[in-house]
Amino acid sequence: MVTWNGRLLHIHVAPAASYEMEELHQAQLIAGRGIVGDRYFLGTGTYSPKPDVREVTLIEVEVLEAIERGEPKNPGSRPSSLQRIIAAT
């Protein structure tokens, strides 16, 4: 069994595709559903018709910092443009 320890830094959700991300200071997470208020919790996300595909996305803060610096080179992939983010260290 793999054990992972970290600290939650940010939670971001969007109520629908192409909406601006909203940072939450606290959130309610429901097992098997995701983050209350997020488009995937609401069933309106791109992958919503595919059950058990994903509930949340965990991204290490170091990865977000690398994207912000342009590593790897990938225009449009900034932390503010990513969806359903929970950033952790």
Foldseek 3Di string as FASTA:
>chain_A
DDDDDKDWDWWWADLAPPGFIDIDPDFDADPQQATPNHNSNVLHYPCSVPGPPDRADEDEVVVLVCVCVCVPPDPPPHPRNDHGYTYID
